[in-house]
Amino acid sequence: MEEKNSNRNRWLHIRLTKEEFEQIDRNFKASACRKRSDFVRRNLLRKPIIVKYRNESLDILLQELIQLKSQLNFMGNNFNQSVKKLHTLFEISDFKLWILAFDSDRNKYFSLVEEIKRHIEILAQKWLQS
């Protein structure tokens, strides 16, 4: 069988107004096409174009959860560093300083966790209302 030559070696140049280009660009971004040229080619050849359906409230929820995850990662990293520091201490005075610092950090961690819980509850309520 003869293979079909799919090299695209012909150019088509067109001029657009700013508004026309912006409209094409908006439609392209709403589609599942990876390249603008593929999107325009499919339009010109009247081939089907798959349009993405985005749930905006889900996107907002996802952004909030990503921020919360980064805060939790930050807390975990700080906790690991303080425990590593504990393992390197040999004198009682160093332990006392570590305990004071750890107590302060622990209070910050617990308040941040409570804030995260409240934030998740608010997001859950918003999500359930929509």
N, C-alpha and C. Protein backbone atom coordinates (compact mmCIF):
# COMPACT_ATOMS: atom_id res chain seq x y z
N MET A 1 0.83 -1.19 0.00
CA MET A 1 0.00 0.00 0.00
C MET A 1 0.87 1.24 0.00
N GLU A 2 0.38 2.23 -0.63
CA GLU A 2 1.10 3.49 -0.71
C GLU A 2 0.76 4.36 0.49
N GLU A 3 1.78 4.89 1.16
CA GLU A 3 1.55 5.76 2.32
C GLU A 3 1.14 7.15 1.85
N LYS A 4 0.24 7.72 2.60
CA LYS A 4 -0.23 9.07 2.28
C LYS A 4 0.79 10.08 2.79
N ASN A 5 1.21 10.98 1.93
CA ASN A 5 2.18 12.00 2.29
C ASN A 5 1.47 13.09 3.07
N SER A 6 1.81 13.21 4.37
CA SER A 6 1.11 14.19 5.21
C SER A 6 1.96 15.42 5.49
N ASN A 7 3.05 15.60 4.74
CA ASN A 7 3.84 16.81 4.92
C ASN A 7 3.06 18.01 4.44
N ARG A 8 2.99 18.98 5.27
CA ARG A 8 2.29 20.21 4.90
C ARG A 8 3.33 21.19 4.39
N ASN A 9 3.37 21.34 3.08
CA ASN A 9 4.39 22.20 2.50
C ASN A 9 3.80 23.35 1.69
N ARG A 10 2.53 23.61 1.87
CA ARG A 10 1.88 24.74 1.21
C ARG A 10 1.49 25.76 2.27
N TRP A 11 1.69 27.02 1.97
CA TRP A 11 1.39 28.08 2.92
C TRP A 11 0.14 28.83 2.47
N LEU A 12 -0.64 29.25 3.44
CA LEU A 12 -1.79 30.09 3.20
C LEU A 12 -1.68 31.27 4.15
N HIS A 13 -1.49 32.44 3.59
CA HIS A 13 -1.34 33.65 4.41
C HIS A 13 -2.63 34.46 4.34
N ILE A 14 -3.10 34.87 5.49
CA ILE A 14 -4.29 35.72 5.53
C ILE A 14 -4.02 36.87 6.49
N ARG A 15 -4.73 37.96 6.27
CA ARG A 15 -4.63 39.11 7.15
C ARG A 15 -5.94 39.23 7.91
N LEU A 16 -5.80 39.55 9.21
CA LEU A 16 -6.96 39.68 10.07
C LEU A 16 -6.92 41.00 10.81
N THR A 17 -8.10 41.46 11.17
CA THR A 17 -8.14 42.62 12.07
C THR A 17 -7.83 42.12 13.47
N LYS A 18 -7.58 43.05 14.35
CA LYS A 18 -7.30 42.68 15.74
C LYS A 18 -8.49 41.93 16.33
N GLU A 19 -9.70 42.40 16.06
CA GLU A 19 -10.91 41.78 16.60
C GLU A 19 -11.09 40.36 16.04
N GLU A 20 -10.84 40.19 14.74
CA GLU A 20 -10.96 38.86 14.15
C GLU A 20 -9.97 37.88 14.78
N PHE A 21 -8.73 38.35 14.94
CA PHE A 21 -7.71 37.49 15.54
C PHE A 21 -8.09 37.13 16.98
N GLU A 22 -8.58 38.11 17.74
CA GLU A 22 -8.96 37.85 19.13
C GLU A 22 -10.12 36.86 19.21
N GLN A 23 -11.06 36.96 18.29
CA GLN A 23 -12.17 36.01 18.27
C GLN A 23 -11.67 34.60 17.95
N ILE A 24 -10.81 34.49 16.96
CA ILE A 24 -10.24 33.18 16.62
C ILE A 24 -9.43 32.64 17.79
N ASP A 25 -8.69 33.51 18.44
CA ASP A 25 -7.87 33.09 19.57
C ASP A 25 -8.74 32.61 20.74
N ARG A 26 -9.83 33.30 21.02
CA ARG A 26 -10.76 32.87 22.09
C ARG A 26 -11.34 31.50 21.76
N ASN A 27 -11.76 31.33 20.51
CA ASN A 27 -12.33 30.05 20.10
C ASN A 27 -11.27 28.94 20.17
N PHE A 28 -10.05 29.27 19.79
CA PHE A 28 -8.96 28.30 19.86
C PHE A 28 -8.72 27.86 21.30
N LYS A 29 -8.68 28.84 22.22
CA LYS A 29 -8.42 28.52 23.63
C LYS A 29 -9.55 27.70 24.24
N ALA A 30 -10.76 27.84 23.70
CA ALA A 30 -11.90 27.08 24.20
C ALA A 30 -11.95 25.67 23.60
N SER A 31 -11.10 25.42 22.62
CA SER A 31 -11.10 24.11 21.96
C SER A 31 -10.06 23.19 22.60
N ALA A 32 -10.07 21.95 22.15
CA ALA A 32 -9.09 20.98 22.64
C ALA A 32 -7.88 20.90 21.72
N CYS A 33 -7.83 21.74 20.70
CA CYS A 33 -6.69 21.74 19.77
C CYS A 33 -5.45 22.25 20.48
N ARG A 34 -4.33 21.64 20.20
CA ARG A 34 -3.08 22.04 20.85
C ARG A 34 -2.40 23.20 20.14
N LYS A 35 -2.62 23.31 18.84
CA LYS A 35 -1.98 24.38 18.07
C LYS A 35 -3.04 25.19 17.34
N ARG A 36 -2.76 26.49 17.25
CA ARG A 36 -3.69 27.38 16.58
C ARG A 36 -3.84 26.98 15.11
N SER A 37 -2.74 26.60 14.48
CA SER A 37 -2.80 26.22 13.07
C SER A 37 -3.71 25.01 12.87
N ASP A 38 -3.68 24.06 13.79
CA ASP A 38 -4.56 22.89 13.70
C ASP A 38 -6.01 23.31 13.82
N PHE A 39 -6.28 24.24 14.77
CA PHE A 39 -7.63 24.75 14.96
C PHE A 39 -8.15 25.44 13.69
N VAL A 40 -7.34 26.33 13.13
CA VAL A 40 -7.75 27.07 11.93
C VAL A 40 -7.92 26.10 10.75
N ARG A 41 -7.01 25.14 10.60
CA ARG A 41 -7.09 24.16 9.52
C ARG A 41 -8.39 23.37 9.63
N ARG A 42 -8.74 22.94 10.83
CA ARG A 42 -9.98 22.18 11.03
C ARG A 42 -11.20 23.04 10.69
N ASN A 43 -11.16 24.34 11.04
CA ASN A 43 -12.26 25.24 10.69
C ASN A 43 -12.39 25.38 9.18
N LEU A 44 -11.27 25.63 8.53
CA LEU A 44 -11.31 25.84 7.08
C LEU A 44 -11.77 24.59 6.33
N LEU A 45 -11.37 23.43 6.79
CA LEU A 45 -11.73 22.17 6.13
C LEU A 45 -13.04 21.60 6.67
N ARG A 46 -13.69 22.34 7.55
CA ARG A 46 -14.98 21.96 8.13
C ARG A 46 -14.93 20.58 8.78
N LYS A 47 -13.85 20.35 9.50
CA LYS A 47 -13.74 19.12 10.29
C LYS A 47 -14.25 19.42 11.69
N PRO A 48 -14.68 18.40 12.40
CA PRO A 48 -15.21 18.64 13.75
C PRO A 48 -14.13 19.13 14.70
N ILE A 49 -14.54 20.03 15.59
CA ILE A 49 -13.63 20.59 16.59
C ILE A 49 -14.20 20.25 17.96
N ILE A 50 -13.37 19.69 18.79
CA ILE A 50 -13.80 19.35 20.15
C ILE A 50 -13.61 20.58 21.01
N VAL A 51 -14.68 20.97 21.70
CA VAL A 51 -14.65 22.14 22.56
C VAL A 51 -14.55 21.66 24.00
N LYS A 52 -13.65 22.30 24.74
CA LYS A 52 -13.50 21.96 26.15
C LYS A 52 -14.66 22.54 26.93
N TYR A 53 -15.12 21.78 27.89
CA TYR A 53 -16.12 22.30 28.81
C TYR A 53 -15.44 22.47 30.15
N ARG A 54 -15.38 23.69 30.64
CA ARG A 54 -14.71 23.98 31.90
C ARG A 54 -15.74 24.33 32.95
N ASN A 55 -15.62 23.69 34.09
CA ASN A 55 -16.46 24.04 35.22
C ASN A 55 -15.68 25.07 36.03
N GLU A 56 -16.08 26.33 35.94
CA GLU A 56 -15.33 27.42 36.56
C GLU A 56 -15.26 27.28 38.07
N SER A 57 -16.35 26.86 38.69
CA SER A 57 -16.33 26.71 40.15
C SER A 57 -15.36 25.60 40.56
N LEU A 58 -15.27 24.57 39.76
CA LEU A 58 -14.31 23.50 40.05
C LEU A 58 -12.88 24.00 39.88
N ASP A 59 -12.64 24.85 38.89
CA ASP A 59 -11.31 25.43 38.70
C ASP A 59 -10.90 26.28 39.90
N ILE A 60 -11.84 27.09 40.41
CA ILE A 60 -11.55 27.93 41.57
C ILE A 60 -11.26 27.07 42.78
N LEU A 61 -12.08 26.03 42.96
CA LEU A 61 -11.87 25.11 44.08
C LEU A 61 -10.50 24.46 43.98
N LEU A 62 -10.13 24.05 42.79
CA LEU A 62 -8.84 23.40 42.59
C LEU A 62 -7.69 24.35 42.91
N GLN A 63 -7.79 25.61 42.52
CA GLN A 63 -6.75 26.59 42.84
C GLN A 63 -6.61 26.78 44.35
N GLU A 64 -7.74 26.85 45.04
CA GLU A 64 -7.72 27.01 46.50
C GLU A 64 -7.06 25.80 47.16
N LEU A 65 -7.42 24.61 46.70
CA LEU A 65 -6.85 23.39 47.28
C LEU A 65 -5.35 23.30 47.02
N ILE A 66 -4.91 23.76 45.87
CA ILE A 66 -3.48 23.75 45.57
C ILE A 66 -2.73 24.68 46.53
N GLN A 67 -3.32 25.85 46.82
CA GLN A 67 -2.70 26.77 47.78
C GLN A 67 -2.64 26.15 49.17
N LEU A 68 -3.72 25.49 49.57
CA LEU A 68 -3.74 24.85 50.88
C LEU A 68 -2.70 23.73 50.96
N LYS A 69 -2.56 22.99 49.87
CA LYS A 69 -1.56 21.92 49.84
C LYS A 69 -0.16 22.48 49.99
N SER A 70 0.12 23.60 49.35
CA SER A 70 1.46 24.18 49.46
C SER A 70 1.72 24.67 50.88
N GLN A 71 0.69 25.21 51.55
CA GLN A 71 0.86 25.62 52.94
C GLN A 71 1.14 24.42 53.84
N LEU A 72 0.43 23.32 53.61
CA LEU A 72 0.67 22.12 54.40
C LEU A 72 2.07 21.56 54.14
N ASN A 73 2.52 21.60 52.89
CA ASN A 73 3.88 21.15 52.58
C ASN A 73 4.92 22.01 53.30
N PHE A 74 4.68 23.32 53.33
CA PHE A 74 5.57 24.24 54.02
C PHE A 74 5.65 23.88 55.50
N MET A 75 4.48 23.62 56.10
CA MET A 75 4.45 23.24 57.51
C MET A 75 5.21 21.94 57.75
N GLY A 76 5.00 20.97 56.90
CA GLY A 76 5.68 19.68 57.04
C GLY A 76 7.19 19.82 56.93
N ASN A 77 7.65 20.64 55.99
CA ASN A 77 9.09 20.86 55.82
C ASN A 77 9.69 21.51 57.07
N ASN A 78 8.99 22.51 57.60
CA ASN A 78 9.49 23.17 58.82
C ASN A 78 9.53 22.20 59.99
N PHE A 79 8.52 21.37 60.11
CA PHE A 79 8.49 20.39 61.20
C PHE A 79 9.65 19.41 61.06
N ASN A 80 9.89 18.92 59.85
CA ASN A 80 11.01 17.99 59.63
C ASN A 80 12.35 18.64 59.97
N GLN A 81 12.51 19.89 59.61
CA GLN A 81 13.76 20.59 59.92
C GLN A 81 13.95 20.73 61.43
N SER A 82 12.86 21.02 62.14
CA SER A 82 13.01 21.17 63.60
C SER A 82 13.32 19.84 64.26
N VAL A 83 12.76 18.75 63.77
CA VAL A 83 13.07 17.43 64.33
C VAL A 83 14.52 17.04 64.02
N LYS A 84 15.00 17.36 62.82
CA LYS A 84 16.41 17.09 62.50
C LYS A 84 17.32 17.87 63.44
N LYS A 85 16.94 19.10 63.72
CA LYS A 85 17.71 19.93 64.65
C LYS A 85 17.74 19.28 66.03
N LEU A 86 16.61 18.73 66.46
CA LEU A 86 16.52 18.06 67.77
C LEU A 86 17.52 16.92 67.86
N HIS A 87 17.68 16.16 66.79
CA HIS A 87 18.58 15.01 66.79
C HIS A 87 20.05 15.41 66.87
N THR A 88 20.36 16.67 66.59
CA THR A 88 21.76 17.11 66.63
C THR A 88 22.13 17.76 67.96
N LEU A 89 21.16 17.94 68.85
CA LEU A 89 21.42 18.62 70.12
C LEU A 89 22.00 17.66 71.16
N PHE A 90 22.97 18.19 71.96
CA PHE A 90 23.61 17.35 72.97
C PHE A 90 23.57 17.96 74.37
N GLU A 91 23.29 19.25 74.48
CA GLU A 91 23.31 19.90 75.79
C GLU A 91 21.90 20.27 76.22
N ILE A 92 21.67 20.29 77.53
CA ILE A 92 20.36 20.59 78.08
C ILE A 92 19.90 22.00 77.70
N SER A 93 20.81 22.97 77.69
CA SER A 93 20.43 24.34 77.33
C SER A 93 19.93 24.40 75.88
N ASP A 94 20.57 23.62 75.01
CA ASP A 94 20.11 23.57 73.62
C ASP A 94 18.71 22.96 73.54
N PHE A 95 18.45 21.93 74.36
CA PHE A 95 17.11 21.32 74.37
C PHE A 95 16.05 22.32 74.81
N LYS A 96 16.39 23.12 75.82
CA LYS A 96 15.43 24.11 76.31
C LYS A 96 15.09 25.12 75.22
N LEU A 97 16.11 25.59 74.50
CA LEU A 97 15.86 26.54 73.41
C LEU A 97 15.02 25.89 72.30
N TRP A 98 15.35 24.64 72.01
CA TRP A 98 14.60 23.93 70.96
C TRP A 98 13.14 23.77 71.37
N ILE A 99 12.89 23.41 72.62
CA ILE A 99 11.53 23.21 73.10
C ILE A 99 10.73 24.51 73.00
N LEU A 100 11.35 25.63 73.38
CA LEU A 100 10.66 26.92 73.28
C LEU A 100 10.32 27.26 71.81
N ALA A 101 11.31 27.06 70.95
CA ALA A 101 11.09 27.35 69.53
C ALA A 101 10.03 26.41 68.95
N PHE A 102 10.11 25.13 69.34
CA PHE A 102 9.15 24.16 68.81
C PHE A 102 7.74 24.46 69.31
N ASP A 103 7.62 24.89 70.56
CA ASP A 103 6.30 25.23 71.11
C ASP A 103 5.68 26.38 70.32
N SER A 104 6.48 27.37 70.00
CA SER A 104 6.00 28.50 69.21
C SER A 104 5.57 28.03 67.81
N ASP A 105 6.42 27.20 67.18
CA ASP A 105 6.09 26.68 65.85
C ASP A 105 4.83 25.82 65.89
N ARG A 106 4.70 25.00 66.95
CA ARG A 106 3.54 24.12 67.07
C ARG A 106 2.26 24.95 67.14
N ASN A 107 2.29 26.03 67.90
CA ASN A 107 1.11 26.90 67.98
C ASN A 107 0.78 27.49 66.61
N LYS A 108 1.81 27.88 65.86
CA LYS A 108 1.58 28.41 64.50
C LYS A 108 0.97 27.32 63.61
N TYR A 109 1.50 26.10 63.73
CA TYR A 109 1.00 24.99 62.91
C TYR A 109 -0.47 24.72 63.20
N PHE A 110 -0.82 24.65 64.49
CA PHE A 110 -2.19 24.35 64.84
C PHE A 110 -3.14 25.46 64.40
N SER A 111 -2.72 26.71 64.52
CA SER A 111 -3.59 27.80 64.07
C SER A 111 -3.74 27.76 62.55
N LEU A 112 -2.66 27.44 61.84
CA LEU A 112 -2.75 27.33 60.38
C LEU A 112 -3.64 26.16 59.97
N VAL A 113 -3.55 25.05 60.67
CA VAL A 113 -4.42 23.91 60.36
C VAL A 113 -5.88 24.28 60.61
N GLU A 114 -6.16 25.00 61.68
CA GLU A 114 -7.54 25.45 61.94
C GLU A 114 -8.02 26.38 60.84
N GLU A 115 -7.14 27.27 60.39
CA GLU A 115 -7.50 28.18 59.30
C GLU A 115 -7.80 27.39 58.03
N ILE A 116 -6.98 26.39 57.75
CA ILE A 116 -7.19 25.54 56.57
C ILE A 116 -8.53 24.80 56.69
N LYS A 117 -8.83 24.28 57.87
CA LYS A 117 -10.12 23.60 58.07
C LYS A 117 -11.29 24.54 57.81
N ARG A 118 -11.21 25.76 58.35
CA ARG A 118 -12.28 26.74 58.13
C ARG A 118 -12.42 27.05 56.64
N HIS A 119 -11.28 27.19 55.98
CA HIS A 119 -11.29 27.51 54.55
C HIS A 119 -11.93 26.36 53.76
N ILE A 120 -11.60 25.14 54.11
CA ILE A 120 -12.18 23.99 53.42
C ILE A 120 -13.68 23.92 53.66
N GLU A 121 -14.12 24.24 54.87
CA GLU A 121 -15.56 24.25 55.16
C GLU A 121 -16.28 25.30 54.32
N ILE A 122 -15.68 26.47 54.20
CA ILE A 122 -16.27 27.54 53.37
C ILE A 122 -16.36 27.09 51.92
N LEU A 123 -15.28 26.49 51.42
CA LEU A 123 -15.29 26.01 50.03
C LEU A 123 -16.33 24.91 49.84
N ALA A 124 -16.45 24.03 50.81
CA ALA A 124 -17.44 22.96 50.71
C ALA A 124 -18.85 23.53 50.67
N GLN A 125 -19.12 24.54 51.50
CA GLN A 125 -20.44 25.17 51.49
C GLN A 125 -20.73 25.83 50.15
N LYS A 126 -19.75 26.54 49.61
CA LYS A 126 -19.92 27.18 48.30
C LYS A 126 -20.17 26.12 47.22
N TRP A 127 -19.41 25.03 47.30
CA TRP A 127 -19.51 23.97 46.31
C TRP A 127 -20.91 23.32 46.37
N LEU A 128 -21.41 23.09 47.59
CA LEU A 128 -22.71 22.46 47.74
C LEU A 128 -23.85 23.37 47.30
N GLN A 129 -23.66 24.69 47.39
CA GLN A 129 -24.70 25.62 46.99
C GLN A 129 -24.81 25.75 45.48
N SER A 130 -23.72 25.49 44.77
CA SER A 130 -23.77 25.66 43.32
C SER A 130 -24.36 24.49 42.61
